[in-house]
Amino acid sequence: MTVSLYDDFHDMIVEIDHDGSVVTATAGAMRRFPKDTCPGAVALLQQFVGCDVTQGRSAIAGRFSRGAH
């Protein structure tokens, strides 16, 4: 799955691979961002590897703190 965000401040892309139930790989790129800490979010994508996508968004989001980057 590939998702992109383009707004007044950001231009980024995220790729998430899964086997139908578990995230197997992630990748991302920040092409434009407002703060020098924003590119650190790309490295945080690796934390999603191994997440069970069948549990839904709330279960996955609960594993991570907001504003971690």
N, C-alpha and C. Protein backbone atom coordinates (compact mmCIF):
# COMPACT_ATOMS: atom_id res chain seq x y z
N MET A 1 0.85 -1.14 0.00
CA MET A 1 0.00 0.00 0.00
C MET A 1 0.91 1.22 0.00
N THR A 2 0.59 2.20 -0.81
CA THR A 2 1.35 3.44 -0.87
C THR A 2 0.41 4.59 -0.54
N VAL A 3 0.84 5.45 0.37
CA VAL A 3 0.05 6.59 0.79
C VAL A 3 0.92 7.83 0.70
N SER A 4 0.35 8.93 0.26
CA SER A 4 1.11 10.17 0.23
C SER A 4 0.32 11.28 0.91
N LEU A 5 1.06 12.25 1.42
CA LEU A 5 0.47 13.43 2.04
C LEU A 5 1.14 14.65 1.42
N TYR A 6 0.31 15.51 0.91
CA TYR A 6 0.80 16.74 0.31
C TYR A 6 -0.10 17.86 0.81
N ASP A 7 0.45 18.77 1.62
CA ASP A 7 -0.30 19.92 2.10
C ASP A 7 0.61 21.14 2.08
N ASP A 8 0.21 22.20 2.76
CA ASP A 8 1.00 23.43 2.76
C ASP A 8 2.38 23.26 3.40
N PHE A 9 2.52 22.25 4.25
CA PHE A 9 3.76 22.07 5.00
C PHE A 9 4.54 20.82 4.63
N HIS A 10 3.84 19.78 4.21
CA HIS A 10 4.46 18.47 4.01
C HIS A 10 4.32 17.98 2.57
N ASP A 11 5.27 17.15 2.20
CA ASP A 11 5.18 16.35 0.98
C ASP A 11 5.91 15.05 1.31
N MET A 12 5.14 14.01 1.59
CA MET A 12 5.76 12.76 2.02
C MET A 12 5.02 11.58 1.41
N ILE A 13 5.72 10.45 1.38
CA ILE A 13 5.16 9.21 0.88
C ILE A 13 5.53 8.08 1.83
N VAL A 14 4.60 7.17 2.04
CA VAL A 14 4.81 6.01 2.91
C VAL A 14 4.38 4.76 2.15
N GLU A 15 5.20 3.73 2.20
CA GLU A 15 4.87 2.45 1.60
C GLU A 15 4.83 1.39 2.70
N ILE A 16 3.77 0.61 2.72
CA ILE A 16 3.61 -0.45 3.72
C ILE A 16 3.31 -1.75 2.98
N ASP A 17 4.13 -2.75 3.21
CA ASP A 17 3.90 -4.08 2.64
C ASP A 17 3.36 -4.98 3.75
N HIS A 18 2.45 -5.88 3.38
CA HIS A 18 1.92 -6.83 4.35
C HIS A 18 1.57 -8.13 3.63
N ASP A 19 1.41 -9.17 4.39
CA ASP A 19 1.09 -10.48 3.84
C ASP A 19 -0.40 -10.82 3.99
N GLY A 20 -1.20 -9.82 4.26
CA GLY A 20 -2.63 -10.01 4.48
C GLY A 20 -3.01 -9.95 5.94
N SER A 21 -2.03 -10.13 6.82
CA SER A 21 -2.32 -10.03 8.24
C SER A 21 -1.24 -9.31 9.03
N VAL A 22 0.00 -9.35 8.57
CA VAL A 22 1.11 -8.74 9.32
C VAL A 22 1.91 -7.82 8.40
N VAL A 23 2.30 -6.66 8.93
CA VAL A 23 3.16 -5.74 8.19
C VAL A 23 4.54 -6.39 8.05
N THR A 24 5.01 -6.49 6.80
CA THR A 24 6.28 -7.15 6.53
C THR A 24 7.42 -6.18 6.23
N ALA A 25 7.09 -4.97 5.77
CA ALA A 25 8.12 -3.98 5.46
C ALA A 25 7.49 -2.59 5.36
N THR A 26 8.30 -1.58 5.62
CA THR A 26 7.86 -0.19 5.47
C THR A 26 8.98 0.62 4.83
N ALA A 27 8.59 1.70 4.18
CA ALA A 27 9.56 2.64 3.61
C ALA A 27 8.87 4.00 3.54
N GLY A 28 9.65 5.04 3.51
CA GLY A 28 9.08 6.37 3.42
C GLY A 28 10.09 7.39 2.96
N ALA A 29 9.57 8.52 2.53
CA ALA A 29 10.42 9.63 2.10
C ALA A 29 9.74 10.94 2.45
N MET A 30 10.52 11.88 2.95
CA MET A 30 10.03 13.23 3.25
C MET A 30 10.65 14.16 2.22
N ARG A 31 9.83 14.70 1.33
CA ARG A 31 10.34 15.58 0.29
C ARG A 31 10.26 17.05 0.69
N ARG A 32 9.32 17.37 1.57
CA ARG A 32 9.19 18.74 2.09
C ARG A 32 8.59 18.63 3.47
N PHE A 33 9.13 19.42 4.41
CA PHE A 33 8.68 19.32 5.80
C PHE A 33 8.99 20.63 6.53
N PRO A 34 8.17 20.95 7.57
CA PRO A 34 8.31 22.23 8.25
C PRO A 34 9.38 22.27 9.34
N LYS A 35 9.72 21.14 9.93
CA LYS A 35 10.66 21.13 11.05
C LYS A 35 11.80 20.16 10.77
N ASP A 36 12.95 20.43 11.33
CA ASP A 36 14.10 19.56 11.08
C ASP A 36 13.96 18.20 11.76
N THR A 37 12.98 18.04 12.65
CA THR A 37 12.75 16.74 13.29
C THR A 37 11.84 15.83 12.45
N CYS A 38 11.11 16.38 11.51
CA CYS A 38 10.14 15.61 10.73
C CYS A 38 10.75 14.40 10.00
N PRO A 39 11.92 14.50 9.38
CA PRO A 39 12.45 13.33 8.68
C PRO A 39 12.68 12.14 9.61
N GLY A 40 12.77 12.36 10.90
CA GLY A 40 12.93 11.27 11.86
C GLY A 40 11.73 10.34 11.87
N ALA A 41 10.60 10.80 11.39
CA ALA A 41 9.41 9.97 11.34
C ALA A 41 9.59 8.78 10.39
N VAL A 42 10.40 8.95 9.37
CA VAL A 42 10.63 7.86 8.41
C VAL A 42 11.25 6.66 9.13
N ALA A 43 12.22 6.89 9.99
CA ALA A 43 12.85 5.79 10.73
C ALA A 43 11.85 5.10 11.66
N LEU A 44 10.90 5.85 12.19
CA LEU A 44 9.89 5.28 13.09
C LEU A 44 8.95 4.31 12.38
N LEU A 45 8.88 4.40 11.06
CA LEU A 45 8.01 3.48 10.32
C LEU A 45 8.39 2.03 10.55
N GLN A 46 9.65 1.76 10.84
CA GLN A 46 10.10 0.39 11.06
C GLN A 46 9.40 -0.26 12.25
N GLN A 47 8.88 0.56 13.17
CA GLN A 47 8.18 0.02 14.33
C GLN A 47 6.87 -0.68 13.95
N PHE A 48 6.37 -0.40 12.75
CA PHE A 48 5.13 -1.04 12.30
C PHE A 48 5.36 -2.46 11.79
N VAL A 49 6.60 -2.81 11.45
CA VAL A 49 6.88 -4.16 10.97
C VAL A 49 6.53 -5.16 12.08
N GLY A 50 5.73 -6.13 11.72
CA GLY A 50 5.27 -7.12 12.70
C GLY A 50 3.89 -6.84 13.25
N CYS A 51 3.34 -5.65 13.02
CA CYS A 51 2.00 -5.32 13.51
C CYS A 51 0.95 -6.16 12.78
N ASP A 52 -0.04 -6.62 13.51
CA ASP A 52 -1.14 -7.38 12.96
C ASP A 52 -2.18 -6.41 12.42
N VAL A 53 -2.30 -6.33 11.11
CA VAL A 53 -3.22 -5.37 10.50
C VAL A 53 -4.68 -5.79 10.65
N THR A 54 -4.92 -7.03 11.03
CA THR A 54 -6.30 -7.48 11.21
C THR A 54 -6.91 -6.96 12.51
N GLN A 55 -6.10 -6.38 13.40
CA GLN A 55 -6.59 -5.86 14.67
C GLN A 55 -7.22 -4.48 14.52
N GLY A 56 -7.02 -3.83 13.41
CA GLY A 56 -7.60 -2.52 13.19
C GLY A 56 -6.68 -1.39 13.59
N ARG A 57 -7.04 -0.21 13.13
CA ARG A 57 -6.22 0.98 13.33
C ARG A 57 -6.02 1.34 14.80
N SER A 58 -7.06 1.24 15.60
CA SER A 58 -6.95 1.61 17.01
C SER A 58 -5.95 0.75 17.76
N ALA A 59 -5.95 -0.55 17.48
CA ALA A 59 -5.03 -1.46 18.16
C ALA A 59 -3.59 -1.16 17.78
N ILE A 60 -3.37 -0.85 16.50
CA ILE A 60 -2.02 -0.53 16.05
C ILE A 60 -1.58 0.82 16.60
N ALA A 61 -2.43 1.82 16.52
CA ALA A 61 -2.09 3.17 17.00
C ALA A 61 -1.80 3.16 18.50
N GLY A 62 -2.44 2.29 19.25
CA GLY A 62 -2.24 2.21 20.68
C GLY A 62 -0.82 1.79 21.07
N ARG A 63 -0.09 1.23 20.13
CA ARG A 63 1.30 0.80 20.41
C ARG A 63 2.28 1.96 20.36
N PHE A 64 1.86 3.12 19.85
CA PHE A 64 2.78 4.23 19.62
C PHE A 64 2.29 5.49 20.30
N SER A 65 3.22 6.31 20.72
CA SER A 65 2.85 7.59 21.34
C SER A 65 2.71 8.65 20.26
N ARG A 66 1.82 9.58 20.49
CA ARG A 66 1.64 10.69 19.54
C ARG A 66 2.82 11.63 19.60
N GLY A 67 3.16 12.20 18.46
CA GLY A 67 4.24 13.17 18.42
C GLY A 67 5.61 12.59 18.67
N ALA A 68 5.77 11.30 18.38
CA ALA A 68 7.04 10.63 18.66
C ALA A 68 8.19 11.19 17.85
N HIS A 69 7.92 11.77 16.70
CA HIS A 69 9.02 12.31 15.89
C HIS A 69 9.25 13.74 16.28
